[in-house]
Amino acid sequence: MSEESRRIEDWTPDPGVEHLVYETPWLDFYYDDIIHPNGAPGKYAWIKSHSGNGAVMVIPVTPSGLHLMIKVYRHPSKQYLWEFPAGVMEDGETPIESARRELVEETGITPESLELLGSQIPVAGITGLPFHSLLAKIPEIQVEEVAIQREEGIVDARLLTRKELIELVTTEEVSDGVTLTTLARYWMWLELRHESSQEQA
């Protein structure tokens, strides 16, 4: 290991000085004075939710194993993306409460139950807040029953089998990073349940 690498490895992060430069009802933008690992001063731009909480994404699944996805316009990428319902947590909300609210707002579907699958920081270089991944058990529905929230840029909905969902991921029709991270959580959860059931058999 080089001397420079050793110095960086032993470096204690300096939180620097936070500078709020722009505030919105949803996200706040910071441009901080920091000290880099090599000791040089610098600047760092990042964002956090206005509530100070993280965000949620929920995978709605029917009893027959169909997964409800929505197609939503995302201004930064200028694309319509297939995702699961998601949103920023409001003041005082738990991940379960936030997931229930977002699912009802974006699809009109009320979950029968919700389970937290795990939490992660999917874009740690831009925001340090966690994204909570949840599983929602929803009633057996037809896609025509989904009341999509068009004012939020949602334009379509689909009910997908596991095979169809994997095909969309493989062909990169599902390319949103939070959706892919949440899917990884979900499939890991399914695998652990399968292993547990085999051990008990």
N, C-alpha and C. Protein backbone atom coordinates (compact mmCIF):
# COMPACT_ATOMS: atom_id res chain seq x y z
N MET A 1 0.84 -1.20 0.00
CA MET A 1 0.00 0.00 0.00
C MET A 1 0.88 1.24 0.00
N SER A 2 0.55 2.20 -0.88
CA SER A 2 1.34 3.42 -0.97
C SER A 2 1.11 4.28 0.27
N GLU A 3 2.02 5.24 0.48
CA GLU A 3 1.89 6.15 1.62
C GLU A 3 0.61 6.98 1.51
N GLU A 4 0.30 7.43 0.28
CA GLU A 4 -0.91 8.23 0.09
C GLU A 4 -2.16 7.42 0.40
N SER A 5 -2.21 6.15 -0.07
CA SER A 5 -3.36 5.29 0.21
C SER A 5 -3.51 5.06 1.69
N ARG A 6 -2.36 4.89 2.39
CA ARG A 6 -2.41 4.66 3.84
C ARG A 6 -2.96 5.90 4.56
N ARG A 7 -2.57 7.08 4.09
CA ARG A 7 -3.06 8.31 4.72
C ARG A 7 -4.57 8.46 4.53
N ILE A 8 -5.06 8.14 3.32
CA ILE A 8 -6.49 8.25 3.05
C ILE A 8 -7.27 7.22 3.87
N GLU A 9 -6.71 6.02 3.99
CA GLU A 9 -7.37 4.97 4.75
C GLU A 9 -7.50 5.35 6.23
N ASP A 10 -6.52 6.07 6.76
CA ASP A 10 -6.54 6.49 8.16
C ASP A 10 -7.27 7.81 8.37
N TRP A 11 -7.80 8.40 7.30
CA TRP A 11 -8.43 9.71 7.36
C TRP A 11 -9.74 9.66 8.12
N THR A 12 -9.96 10.63 9.00
CA THR A 12 -11.23 10.77 9.69
C THR A 12 -12.04 11.84 8.98
N PRO A 13 -13.22 11.48 8.47
CA PRO A 13 -14.01 12.46 7.71
C PRO A 13 -14.33 13.71 8.53
N ASP A 14 -14.23 14.85 7.89
CA ASP A 14 -14.60 16.12 8.49
C ASP A 14 -15.97 16.49 7.93
N PRO A 15 -17.00 16.65 8.79
CA PRO A 15 -18.34 16.94 8.27
C PRO A 15 -18.43 18.27 7.54
N GLY A 16 -17.44 19.14 7.72
CA GLY A 16 -17.45 20.42 7.03
C GLY A 16 -18.54 21.34 7.54
N VAL A 17 -18.89 22.32 6.73
CA VAL A 17 -19.91 23.30 7.09
C VAL A 17 -21.02 23.23 6.05
N GLU A 18 -22.23 22.95 6.52
CA GLU A 18 -23.37 22.85 5.61
C GLU A 18 -23.88 24.24 5.22
N HIS A 19 -24.18 24.39 3.92
CA HIS A 19 -24.75 25.64 3.42
C HIS A 19 -26.01 25.31 2.62
N LEU A 20 -27.17 25.65 3.18
CA LEU A 20 -28.42 25.49 2.45
C LEU A 20 -28.52 26.61 1.42
N VAL A 21 -28.58 26.24 0.15
CA VAL A 21 -28.59 27.27 -0.90
C VAL A 21 -29.95 27.42 -1.57
N TYR A 22 -30.79 26.38 -1.48
CA TYR A 22 -32.13 26.50 -2.09
C TYR A 22 -33.06 25.52 -1.41
N GLU A 23 -34.24 26.01 -1.06
CA GLU A 23 -35.22 25.21 -0.33
C GLU A 23 -36.50 25.11 -1.13
N THR A 24 -37.06 23.89 -1.21
CA THR A 24 -38.35 23.68 -1.87
C THR A 24 -39.25 22.93 -0.89
N PRO A 25 -40.53 22.76 -1.21
CA PRO A 25 -41.41 21.99 -0.32
C PRO A 25 -41.05 20.51 -0.26
N TRP A 26 -40.19 20.04 -1.19
CA TRP A 26 -39.88 18.61 -1.25
C TRP A 26 -38.40 18.32 -0.99
N LEU A 27 -37.52 19.04 -1.66
CA LEU A 27 -36.09 18.79 -1.55
C LEU A 27 -35.35 20.08 -1.25
N ASP A 28 -34.28 19.97 -0.45
CA ASP A 28 -33.43 21.11 -0.14
C ASP A 28 -32.04 20.86 -0.71
N PHE A 29 -31.43 21.91 -1.25
CA PHE A 29 -30.15 21.79 -1.93
C PHE A 29 -29.04 22.45 -1.11
N TYR A 30 -27.94 21.73 -0.96
CA TYR A 30 -26.81 22.20 -0.16
C TYR A 30 -25.55 22.30 -1.01
N TYR A 31 -24.68 23.25 -0.65
CA TYR A 31 -23.39 23.39 -1.30
C TYR A 31 -22.39 23.68 -0.18
N ASP A 32 -21.74 22.62 0.29
CA ASP A 32 -20.97 22.67 1.53
C ASP A 32 -19.48 22.92 1.32
N ASP A 33 -18.86 23.50 2.34
CA ASP A 33 -17.40 23.58 2.42
C ASP A 33 -16.92 22.30 3.09
N ILE A 34 -16.02 21.57 2.43
CA ILE A 34 -15.56 20.29 2.96
C ILE A 34 -14.03 20.22 2.90
N ILE A 35 -13.50 19.19 3.53
CA ILE A 35 -12.08 18.84 3.42
C ILE A 35 -12.00 17.46 2.77
N HIS A 36 -11.31 17.37 1.64
CA HIS A 36 -11.15 16.10 0.93
C HIS A 36 -10.21 15.16 1.71
N PRO A 37 -10.24 13.86 1.38
CA PRO A 37 -9.35 12.91 2.06
C PRO A 37 -7.87 13.27 1.97
N ASN A 38 -7.46 13.99 0.92
CA ASN A 38 -6.05 14.38 0.78
C ASN A 38 -5.73 15.66 1.54
N GLY A 39 -6.72 16.19 2.28
CA GLY A 39 -6.49 17.39 3.08
C GLY A 39 -6.83 18.69 2.39
N ALA A 40 -7.13 18.64 1.11
CA ALA A 40 -7.43 19.86 0.37
C ALA A 40 -8.86 20.32 0.63
N PRO A 41 -9.08 21.63 0.75
CA PRO A 41 -10.45 22.13 0.91
C PRO A 41 -11.21 22.01 -0.40
N GLY A 42 -12.53 21.94 -0.29
CA GLY A 42 -13.32 21.83 -1.51
C GLY A 42 -14.78 22.14 -1.26
N LYS A 43 -15.59 21.88 -2.26
CA LYS A 43 -17.03 22.10 -2.21
C LYS A 43 -17.74 20.79 -2.53
N TYR A 44 -18.96 20.63 -1.99
CA TYR A 44 -19.74 19.42 -2.29
C TYR A 44 -21.22 19.78 -2.35
N ALA A 45 -21.86 19.40 -3.48
CA ALA A 45 -23.29 19.64 -3.67
C ALA A 45 -24.06 18.36 -3.36
N TRP A 46 -25.14 18.51 -2.60
CA TRP A 46 -25.98 17.35 -2.27
C TRP A 46 -27.38 17.82 -1.93
N ILE A 47 -28.31 16.86 -1.81
CA ILE A 47 -29.69 17.20 -1.52
C ILE A 47 -30.22 16.33 -0.39
N LYS A 48 -31.26 16.81 0.26
CA LYS A 48 -31.99 15.98 1.21
C LYS A 48 -33.47 16.35 1.12
N SER A 49 -34.32 15.46 1.59
CA SER A 49 -35.75 15.76 1.57
C SER A 49 -36.05 16.87 2.56
N HIS A 50 -37.03 17.68 2.23
CA HIS A 50 -37.38 18.81 3.08
C HIS A 50 -37.84 18.34 4.47
N SER A 51 -38.48 17.18 4.52
CA SER A 51 -38.96 16.65 5.79
C SER A 51 -37.81 16.13 6.65
N GLY A 52 -36.65 15.90 6.03
CA GLY A 52 -35.54 15.31 6.75
C GLY A 52 -35.63 13.80 6.83
N ASN A 53 -36.71 13.24 6.26
CA ASN A 53 -36.87 11.79 6.20
C ASN A 53 -36.36 11.28 4.86
N GLY A 54 -36.42 10.00 4.69
CA GLY A 54 -36.03 9.41 3.43
C GLY A 54 -37.23 9.27 2.50
N ALA A 55 -37.25 8.20 1.74
CA ALA A 55 -38.32 7.94 0.78
C ALA A 55 -38.66 6.46 0.81
N VAL A 56 -39.73 6.11 0.13
CA VAL A 56 -40.18 4.72 0.09
C VAL A 56 -40.46 4.29 -1.34
N MET A 57 -40.32 3.00 -1.58
CA MET A 57 -40.83 2.37 -2.80
C MET A 57 -41.49 1.07 -2.39
N VAL A 58 -42.67 0.81 -2.96
CA VAL A 58 -43.46 -0.35 -2.55
C VAL A 58 -43.76 -1.24 -3.76
N ILE A 59 -43.55 -2.55 -3.59
CA ILE A 59 -43.87 -3.53 -4.63
C ILE A 59 -45.24 -4.12 -4.32
N PRO A 60 -46.27 -3.77 -5.11
CA PRO A 60 -47.60 -4.33 -4.90
C PRO A 60 -47.71 -5.69 -5.60
N VAL A 61 -48.13 -6.72 -4.86
CA VAL A 61 -48.23 -8.07 -5.41
C VAL A 61 -49.61 -8.64 -5.08
N THR A 62 -50.26 -9.22 -6.09
CA THR A 62 -51.58 -9.84 -5.91
C THR A 62 -51.43 -11.27 -5.39
N PRO A 63 -52.52 -11.89 -4.90
CA PRO A 63 -52.44 -13.29 -4.44
C PRO A 63 -51.96 -14.26 -5.51
N SER A 64 -52.23 -13.95 -6.78
CA SER A 64 -51.78 -14.84 -7.87
C SER A 64 -50.35 -14.56 -8.30
N GLY A 65 -49.69 -13.59 -7.65
CA GLY A 65 -48.29 -13.33 -7.95
C GLY A 65 -48.04 -12.31 -9.03
N LEU A 66 -49.03 -11.47 -9.34
CA LEU A 66 -48.83 -10.40 -10.32
C LEU A 66 -48.29 -9.16 -9.62
N HIS A 67 -47.34 -8.48 -10.29
CA HIS A 67 -46.68 -7.30 -9.73
C HIS A 67 -47.19 -6.06 -10.45
N LEU A 68 -47.68 -5.09 -9.68
CA LEU A 68 -48.22 -3.87 -10.26
C LEU A 68 -47.10 -2.85 -10.44
N MET A 69 -46.91 -2.42 -11.70
CA MET A 69 -45.93 -1.38 -12.02
C MET A 69 -46.63 -0.21 -12.68
N ILE A 70 -46.02 0.97 -12.55
CA ILE A 70 -46.55 2.17 -13.18
C ILE A 70 -45.48 2.77 -14.09
N LYS A 71 -45.95 3.48 -15.12
CA LYS A 71 -45.03 4.16 -16.03
C LYS A 71 -45.15 5.65 -15.75
N VAL A 72 -44.02 6.27 -15.40
CA VAL A 72 -44.04 7.66 -14.94
C VAL A 72 -42.97 8.47 -15.66
N TYR A 73 -43.30 9.71 -15.97
CA TYR A 73 -42.33 10.61 -16.61
C TYR A 73 -41.38 11.16 -15.56
N ARG A 74 -40.06 11.08 -15.84
CA ARG A 74 -39.05 11.60 -14.95
C ARG A 74 -38.30 12.73 -15.64
N HIS A 75 -38.49 13.93 -15.13
CA HIS A 75 -37.95 15.12 -15.79
C HIS A 75 -36.42 15.09 -15.95
N PRO A 76 -35.63 14.68 -14.91
CA PRO A 76 -34.18 14.71 -15.09
C PRO A 76 -33.68 13.87 -16.27
N SER A 77 -34.32 12.71 -16.51
CA SER A 77 -33.88 11.84 -17.61
C SER A 77 -34.66 12.09 -18.89
N LYS A 78 -35.74 12.90 -18.78
CA LYS A 78 -36.62 13.19 -19.94
C LYS A 78 -37.16 11.90 -20.55
N GLN A 79 -37.51 10.93 -19.67
CA GLN A 79 -38.00 9.64 -20.13
C GLN A 79 -39.20 9.19 -19.30
N TYR A 80 -40.00 8.32 -19.91
CA TYR A 80 -41.02 7.59 -19.17
C TYR A 80 -40.39 6.28 -18.70
N LEU A 81 -40.46 6.00 -17.41
CA LEU A 81 -39.82 4.82 -16.83
C LEU A 81 -40.83 3.94 -16.11
N TRP A 82 -40.64 2.63 -16.24
CA TRP A 82 -41.45 1.67 -15.47
C TRP A 82 -40.86 1.56 -14.07
N GLU A 83 -41.70 1.80 -13.08
CA GLU A 83 -41.27 1.79 -11.69
C GLU A 83 -42.36 1.18 -10.82
N PHE A 84 -42.06 1.01 -9.54
CA PHE A 84 -43.07 0.72 -8.54
C PHE A 84 -43.45 2.05 -7.87
N PRO A 85 -44.63 2.13 -7.29
CA PRO A 85 -45.03 3.35 -6.60
C PRO A 85 -44.01 3.78 -5.55
N ALA A 86 -43.73 5.08 -5.50
CA ALA A 86 -42.68 5.57 -4.60
C ALA A 86 -42.91 7.03 -4.29
N GLY A 87 -42.22 7.49 -3.26
CA GLY A 87 -42.30 8.91 -2.94
C GLY A 87 -41.53 9.26 -1.68
N VAL A 88 -41.41 10.56 -1.44
CA VAL A 88 -40.71 11.08 -0.27
C VAL A 88 -41.61 10.98 0.95
N MET A 89 -41.04 10.59 2.08
CA MET A 89 -41.79 10.50 3.32
C MET A 89 -42.13 11.89 3.85
N GLU A 90 -43.31 12.02 4.40
CA GLU A 90 -43.73 13.28 4.99
C GLU A 90 -43.36 13.34 6.47
N ASP A 91 -43.48 14.50 7.05
CA ASP A 91 -43.15 14.68 8.47
C ASP A 91 -43.91 13.69 9.34
N GLY A 92 -43.17 13.02 10.22
CA GLY A 92 -43.79 12.14 11.20
C GLY A 92 -44.23 10.79 10.69
N GLU A 93 -44.06 10.51 9.39
CA GLU A 93 -44.49 9.24 8.84
C GLU A 93 -43.47 8.13 9.10
N THR A 94 -43.96 6.92 9.29
CA THR A 94 -43.12 5.74 9.28
C THR A 94 -43.06 5.23 7.84
N PRO A 95 -42.10 4.36 7.52
CA PRO A 95 -42.08 3.80 6.15
C PRO A 95 -43.38 3.10 5.78
N ILE A 96 -44.00 2.40 6.73
CA ILE A 96 -45.26 1.70 6.45
C ILE A 96 -46.36 2.71 6.11
N GLU A 97 -46.46 3.76 6.90
CA GLU A 97 -47.49 4.79 6.65
C GLU A 97 -47.26 5.49 5.32
N SER A 98 -46.01 5.79 5.02
CA SER A 98 -45.68 6.48 3.78
C SER A 98 -45.97 5.58 2.57
N ALA A 99 -45.61 4.31 2.67
CA ALA A 99 -45.86 3.38 1.57
C ALA A 99 -47.35 3.22 1.29
N ARG A 100 -48.14 3.13 2.34
CA ARG A 100 -49.60 3.02 2.18
C ARG A 100 -50.15 4.27 1.46
N ARG A 101 -49.73 5.45 1.92
CA ARG A 101 -50.19 6.69 1.31
C ARG A 101 -49.80 6.78 -0.16
N GLU A 102 -48.54 6.48 -0.47
CA GLU A 102 -48.07 6.59 -1.86
C GLU A 102 -48.79 5.60 -2.77
N LEU A 103 -49.02 4.39 -2.28
CA LEU A 103 -49.69 3.38 -3.11
C LEU A 103 -51.12 3.82 -3.43
N VAL A 104 -51.83 4.32 -2.43
CA VAL A 104 -53.20 4.77 -2.64
C VAL A 104 -53.22 6.00 -3.56
N GLU A 105 -52.32 6.95 -3.32
CA GLU A 105 -52.28 8.17 -4.15
C GLU A 105 -51.99 7.86 -5.60
N GLU A 106 -51.03 6.99 -5.86
CA GLU A 106 -50.55 6.78 -7.23
C GLU A 106 -51.34 5.75 -8.02
N THR A 107 -52.05 4.84 -7.31
CA THR A 107 -52.76 3.76 -8.02
C THR A 107 -54.21 3.62 -7.62
N GLY A 108 -54.61 4.21 -6.50
CA GLY A 108 -55.96 4.02 -6.00
C GLY A 108 -56.19 2.68 -5.33
N ILE A 109 -55.14 1.88 -5.19
CA ILE A 109 -55.25 0.55 -4.60
C ILE A 109 -54.85 0.59 -3.12
N THR A 110 -55.72 0.09 -2.26
CA THR A 110 -55.43 0.02 -0.84
C THR A 110 -54.81 -1.33 -0.50
N PRO A 111 -53.63 -1.35 0.11
CA PRO A 111 -52.98 -2.63 0.42
C PRO A 111 -53.68 -3.37 1.55
N GLU A 112 -53.65 -4.70 1.49
CA GLU A 112 -54.17 -5.51 2.58
C GLU A 112 -53.15 -5.62 3.71
N SER A 113 -51.88 -5.59 3.35
CA SER A 113 -50.80 -5.60 4.34
C SER A 113 -49.54 -5.03 3.72
N LEU A 114 -48.63 -4.57 4.57
CA LEU A 114 -47.36 -4.01 4.13
C LEU A 114 -46.25 -4.57 5.00
N GLU A 115 -45.10 -4.85 4.38
CA GLU A 115 -43.95 -5.37 5.12
C GLU A 115 -42.68 -4.67 4.64
N LEU A 116 -41.89 -4.19 5.60
CA LEU A 116 -40.62 -3.56 5.27
C LEU A 116 -39.60 -4.63 4.90
N LEU A 117 -39.04 -4.55 3.70
CA LEU A 117 -38.05 -5.51 3.23
C LEU A 117 -36.63 -5.12 3.59
N GLY A 118 -36.39 -3.82 3.71
CA GLY A 118 -35.04 -3.34 4.03
C GLY A 118 -34.89 -1.90 3.61
N SER A 119 -33.77 -1.31 3.98
CA SER A 119 -33.50 0.09 3.67
C SER A 119 -32.09 0.21 3.12
N GLN A 120 -31.89 1.18 2.23
CA GLN A 120 -30.60 1.37 1.59
C GLN A 120 -30.45 2.82 1.17
N ILE A 121 -29.21 3.21 0.87
CA ILE A 121 -28.93 4.56 0.37
C ILE A 121 -28.50 4.38 -1.09
N PRO A 122 -29.43 4.45 -2.05
CA PRO A 122 -29.12 4.07 -3.43
C PRO A 122 -28.23 5.03 -4.18
N VAL A 123 -28.22 6.32 -3.81
CA VAL A 123 -27.38 7.29 -4.52
C VAL A 123 -26.64 8.09 -3.46
N ALA A 124 -25.71 7.44 -2.76
CA ALA A 124 -25.06 8.03 -1.59
C ALA A 124 -24.22 9.26 -1.93
N GLY A 125 -23.81 9.41 -3.19
CA GLY A 125 -23.03 10.57 -3.58
C GLY A 125 -23.86 11.82 -3.78
N ILE A 126 -25.20 11.67 -3.80
CA ILE A 126 -26.08 12.80 -4.01
C ILE A 126 -26.92 13.10 -2.78
N THR A 127 -27.38 12.05 -2.10
CA THR A 127 -28.14 12.23 -0.88
C THR A 127 -27.81 11.12 0.10
N GLY A 128 -27.76 11.46 1.38
CA GLY A 128 -27.44 10.46 2.39
C GLY A 128 -28.66 9.83 3.01
N LEU A 129 -29.85 10.17 2.53
CA LEU A 129 -31.07 9.66 3.13
C LEU A 129 -31.44 8.29 2.59
N PRO A 130 -32.04 7.45 3.43
CA PRO A 130 -32.36 6.09 2.99
C PRO A 130 -33.61 6.01 2.15
N PHE A 131 -33.66 4.99 1.31
CA PHE A 131 -34.86 4.61 0.58
C PHE A 131 -35.32 3.29 1.19
N HIS A 132 -36.56 3.24 1.64
CA HIS A 132 -37.10 2.05 2.28
C HIS A 132 -37.89 1.23 1.25
N SER A 133 -37.57 -0.05 1.16
CA SER A 133 -38.25 -0.95 0.22
C SER A 133 -39.31 -1.76 0.97
N LEU A 134 -40.52 -1.76 0.42
CA LEU A 134 -41.62 -2.45 1.09
C LEU A 134 -42.37 -3.36 0.13
N LEU A 135 -42.97 -4.40 0.69
CA LEU A 135 -43.83 -5.31 -0.06
C LEU A 135 -45.27 -5.06 0.37
N ALA A 136 -46.16 -4.88 -0.61
CA ALA A 136 -47.59 -4.70 -0.32
C ALA A 136 -48.36 -5.86 -0.91
N LYS A 137 -49.17 -6.49 -0.08
CA LYS A 137 -50.10 -7.49 -0.58
C LYS A 137 -51.39 -6.75 -0.92
N ILE A 138 -51.79 -6.86 -2.20
CA ILE A 138 -52.98 -6.15 -2.67
C ILE A 138 -54.01 -7.16 -3.15
N PRO A 139 -55.27 -6.75 -3.28
CA PRO A 139 -56.30 -7.68 -3.77
C PRO A 139 -56.04 -8.10 -5.21
N GLU A 140 -56.70 -9.17 -5.62
CA GLU A 140 -56.64 -9.58 -7.02
C GLU A 140 -57.43 -8.55 -7.83
N ILE A 141 -56.76 -7.88 -8.74
CA ILE A 141 -57.39 -6.78 -9.49
C ILE A 141 -57.14 -6.95 -10.98
N GLN A 142 -57.88 -6.18 -11.77
CA GLN A 142 -57.62 -6.03 -13.18
C GLN A 142 -56.92 -4.68 -13.37
N VAL A 143 -56.10 -4.58 -14.40
CA VAL A 143 -55.33 -3.35 -14.59
C VAL A 143 -56.26 -2.15 -14.81
N GLU A 144 -57.48 -2.41 -15.33
CA GLU A 144 -58.43 -1.33 -15.56
C GLU A 144 -58.90 -0.70 -14.24
N GLU A 145 -58.72 -1.40 -13.15
CA GLU A 145 -59.14 -0.88 -11.84
C GLU A 145 -58.11 0.08 -11.23
N VAL A 146 -56.93 0.17 -11.82
CA VAL A 146 -55.88 1.03 -11.28
C VAL A 146 -56.19 2.49 -11.64
N ALA A 147 -56.31 3.33 -10.63
CA ALA A 147 -56.60 4.76 -10.83
C ALA A 147 -55.28 5.52 -10.76
N ILE A 148 -54.60 5.62 -11.90
CA ILE A 148 -53.27 6.21 -11.90
C ILE A 148 -53.34 7.73 -11.70
N GLN A 149 -52.32 8.25 -11.05
CA GLN A 149 -52.24 9.67 -10.69
C GLN A 149 -51.62 10.45 -11.85
N ARG A 150 -52.43 10.83 -12.82
CA ARG A 150 -51.91 11.45 -14.04
C ARG A 150 -51.26 12.80 -13.78
N GLU A 151 -51.72 13.52 -12.76
CA GLU A 151 -51.13 14.84 -12.48
C GLU A 151 -49.68 14.74 -12.03
N GLU A 152 -49.25 13.54 -11.64
CA GLU A 152 -47.86 13.31 -11.26
C GLU A 152 -47.04 12.73 -12.40
N GLY A 153 -47.60 12.71 -13.60
CA GLY A 153 -46.88 12.20 -14.76
C GLY A 153 -46.98 10.70 -14.95
N ILE A 154 -47.87 10.03 -14.21
CA ILE A 154 -48.07 8.59 -14.38
C ILE A 154 -49.03 8.39 -15.55
N VAL A 155 -48.62 7.59 -16.52
CA VAL A 155 -49.41 7.47 -17.75
C VAL A 155 -49.91 6.05 -18.03
N ASP A 156 -49.41 5.05 -17.29
CA ASP A 156 -49.80 3.68 -17.61
C ASP A 156 -49.54 2.79 -16.39
N ALA A 157 -50.15 1.62 -16.40
CA ALA A 157 -49.94 0.63 -15.35
C ALA A 157 -49.98 -0.76 -15.97
N ARG A 158 -49.26 -1.69 -15.38
CA ARG A 158 -49.25 -3.08 -15.86
C ARG A 158 -49.22 -4.02 -14.67
N LEU A 159 -49.83 -5.19 -14.85
CA LEU A 159 -49.73 -6.28 -13.90
C LEU A 159 -48.86 -7.35 -14.55
N LEU A 160 -47.73 -7.65 -13.93
CA LEU A 160 -46.71 -8.49 -14.56
C LEU A 160 -46.45 -9.76 -13.76
N THR A 161 -46.30 -10.87 -14.48
CA THR A 161 -45.83 -12.09 -13.83
C THR A 161 -44.34 -11.93 -13.51
N ARG A 162 -43.81 -12.83 -12.71
CA ARG A 162 -42.38 -12.78 -12.39
C ARG A 162 -41.55 -12.88 -13.67
N LYS A 163 -41.96 -13.76 -14.59
CA LYS A 163 -41.23 -13.94 -15.85
C LYS A 163 -41.26 -12.65 -16.66
N GLU A 164 -42.41 -12.02 -16.76
CA GLU A 164 -42.51 -10.76 -17.52
C GLU A 164 -41.68 -9.66 -16.87
N LEU A 165 -41.65 -9.63 -15.55
CA LEU A 165 -40.87 -8.64 -14.84
C LEU A 165 -39.37 -8.84 -15.11
N ILE A 166 -38.92 -10.09 -15.08
CA ILE A 166 -37.52 -10.38 -15.36
C ILE A 166 -37.16 -9.98 -16.78
N GLU A 167 -38.07 -10.20 -17.73
CA GLU A 167 -37.83 -9.81 -19.12
C GLU A 167 -37.67 -8.29 -19.25
N LEU A 168 -38.49 -7.53 -18.53
CA LEU A 168 -38.37 -6.07 -18.58
C LEU A 168 -37.04 -5.60 -17.99
N VAL A 169 -36.58 -6.27 -16.94
CA VAL A 169 -35.28 -5.93 -16.35
C VAL A 169 -34.16 -6.29 -17.32
N THR A 170 -34.26 -7.48 -17.91
CA THR A 170 -33.21 -7.96 -18.82
C THR A 170 -33.08 -7.06 -20.04
N THR A 171 -34.19 -6.60 -20.58
CA THR A 171 -34.16 -5.75 -21.77
C THR A 171 -33.95 -4.27 -21.41
N GLU A 172 -33.79 -3.99 -20.13
CA GLU A 172 -33.55 -2.64 -19.61
C GLU A 172 -34.72 -1.69 -19.83
N GLU A 173 -35.92 -2.25 -20.03
CA GLU A 173 -37.11 -1.41 -20.01
C GLU A 173 -37.38 -0.93 -18.59
N VAL A 174 -36.94 -1.70 -17.62
CA VAL A 174 -36.88 -1.24 -16.23
C VAL A 174 -35.44 -0.83 -15.98
N SER A 175 -35.21 0.48 -15.85
CA SER A 175 -33.84 0.96 -15.69
C SER A 175 -33.67 1.91 -14.51
N ASP A 176 -34.76 2.22 -13.82
CA ASP A 176 -34.68 3.09 -12.65
C ASP A 176 -33.91 2.39 -11.54
N GLY A 177 -32.91 3.08 -10.98
CA GLY A 177 -32.03 2.47 -10.00
C GLY A 177 -32.72 2.07 -8.71
N VAL A 178 -33.65 2.89 -8.23
CA VAL A 178 -34.36 2.55 -6.99
C VAL A 178 -35.25 1.33 -7.22
N THR A 179 -35.89 1.25 -8.38
CA THR A 179 -36.71 0.09 -8.70
C THR A 179 -35.87 -1.18 -8.73
N LEU A 180 -34.70 -1.12 -9.34
CA LEU A 180 -33.83 -2.29 -9.40
C LEU A 180 -33.33 -2.68 -8.00
N THR A 181 -33.01 -1.69 -7.17
CA THR A 181 -32.57 -1.98 -5.81
C THR A 181 -33.69 -2.61 -5.00
N THR A 182 -34.89 -2.09 -5.16
CA THR A 182 -36.04 -2.64 -4.44
C THR A 182 -36.35 -4.06 -4.90
N LEU A 183 -36.22 -4.30 -6.21
CA LEU A 183 -36.40 -5.66 -6.72
C LEU A 183 -35.36 -6.62 -6.13
N ALA A 184 -34.12 -6.16 -6.00
CA ALA A 184 -33.08 -7.00 -5.40
C ALA A 184 -33.45 -7.35 -3.96
N ARG A 185 -33.95 -6.38 -3.20
CA ARG A 185 -34.42 -6.63 -1.83
C ARG A 185 -35.53 -7.68 -1.82
N TYR A 186 -36.48 -7.51 -2.72
CA TYR A 186 -37.64 -8.39 -2.79
C TYR A 186 -37.23 -9.81 -3.15
N TRP A 187 -36.40 -9.95 -4.18
CA TRP A 187 -35.99 -11.29 -4.59
C TRP A 187 -35.10 -11.96 -3.53
N MET A 188 -34.30 -11.19 -2.82
CA MET A 188 -33.53 -11.75 -1.71
C MET A 188 -34.46 -12.23 -0.61
N TRP A 189 -35.50 -11.44 -0.32
CA TRP A 189 -36.49 -11.82 0.69
C TRP A 189 -37.18 -13.12 0.30
N LEU A 190 -37.55 -13.28 -0.98
CA LEU A 190 -38.17 -14.51 -1.45
C LEU A 190 -37.23 -15.70 -1.31
N GLU A 191 -35.95 -15.47 -1.63
CA GLU A 191 -34.96 -16.55 -1.55
C GLU A 191 -34.76 -16.99 -0.10
N LEU A 192 -34.70 -16.04 0.81
CA LEU A 192 -34.53 -16.38 2.23
C LEU A 192 -35.74 -17.13 2.76
N ARG A 193 -36.93 -16.75 2.32
CA ARG A 193 -38.14 -17.48 2.73
C ARG A 193 -38.12 -18.91 2.19
N HIS A 194 -37.65 -19.06 0.95
CA HIS A 194 -37.58 -20.39 0.34
C HIS A 194 -36.58 -21.27 1.11
N GLU A 195 -35.41 -20.70 1.44
CA GLU A 195 -34.41 -21.45 2.19
C GLU A 195 -34.92 -21.83 3.56
N SER A 196 -35.64 -20.93 4.21
CA SER A 196 -36.19 -21.20 5.54
C SER A 196 -37.22 -22.32 5.50
N SER A 197 -38.07 -22.31 4.47
CA SER A 197 -39.09 -23.35 4.36
C SER A 197 -38.46 -24.71 4.09
N GLN A 198 -37.35 -24.73 3.33
CA GLN A 198 -36.66 -25.99 3.06
C GLN A 198 -36.02 -26.55 4.32
N GLU A 199 -35.47 -25.66 5.16
CA GLU A 199 -34.85 -26.10 6.40
C GLU A 199 -35.87 -26.67 7.38
N GLN A 200 -37.09 -26.13 7.34
CA GLN A 200 -38.13 -26.59 8.24
C GLN A 200 -38.81 -27.85 7.75
N ALA A 201 -38.66 -28.16 6.44
CA ALA A 201 -39.32 -29.34 5.85
C ALA A 201 -38.66 -30.63 6.34
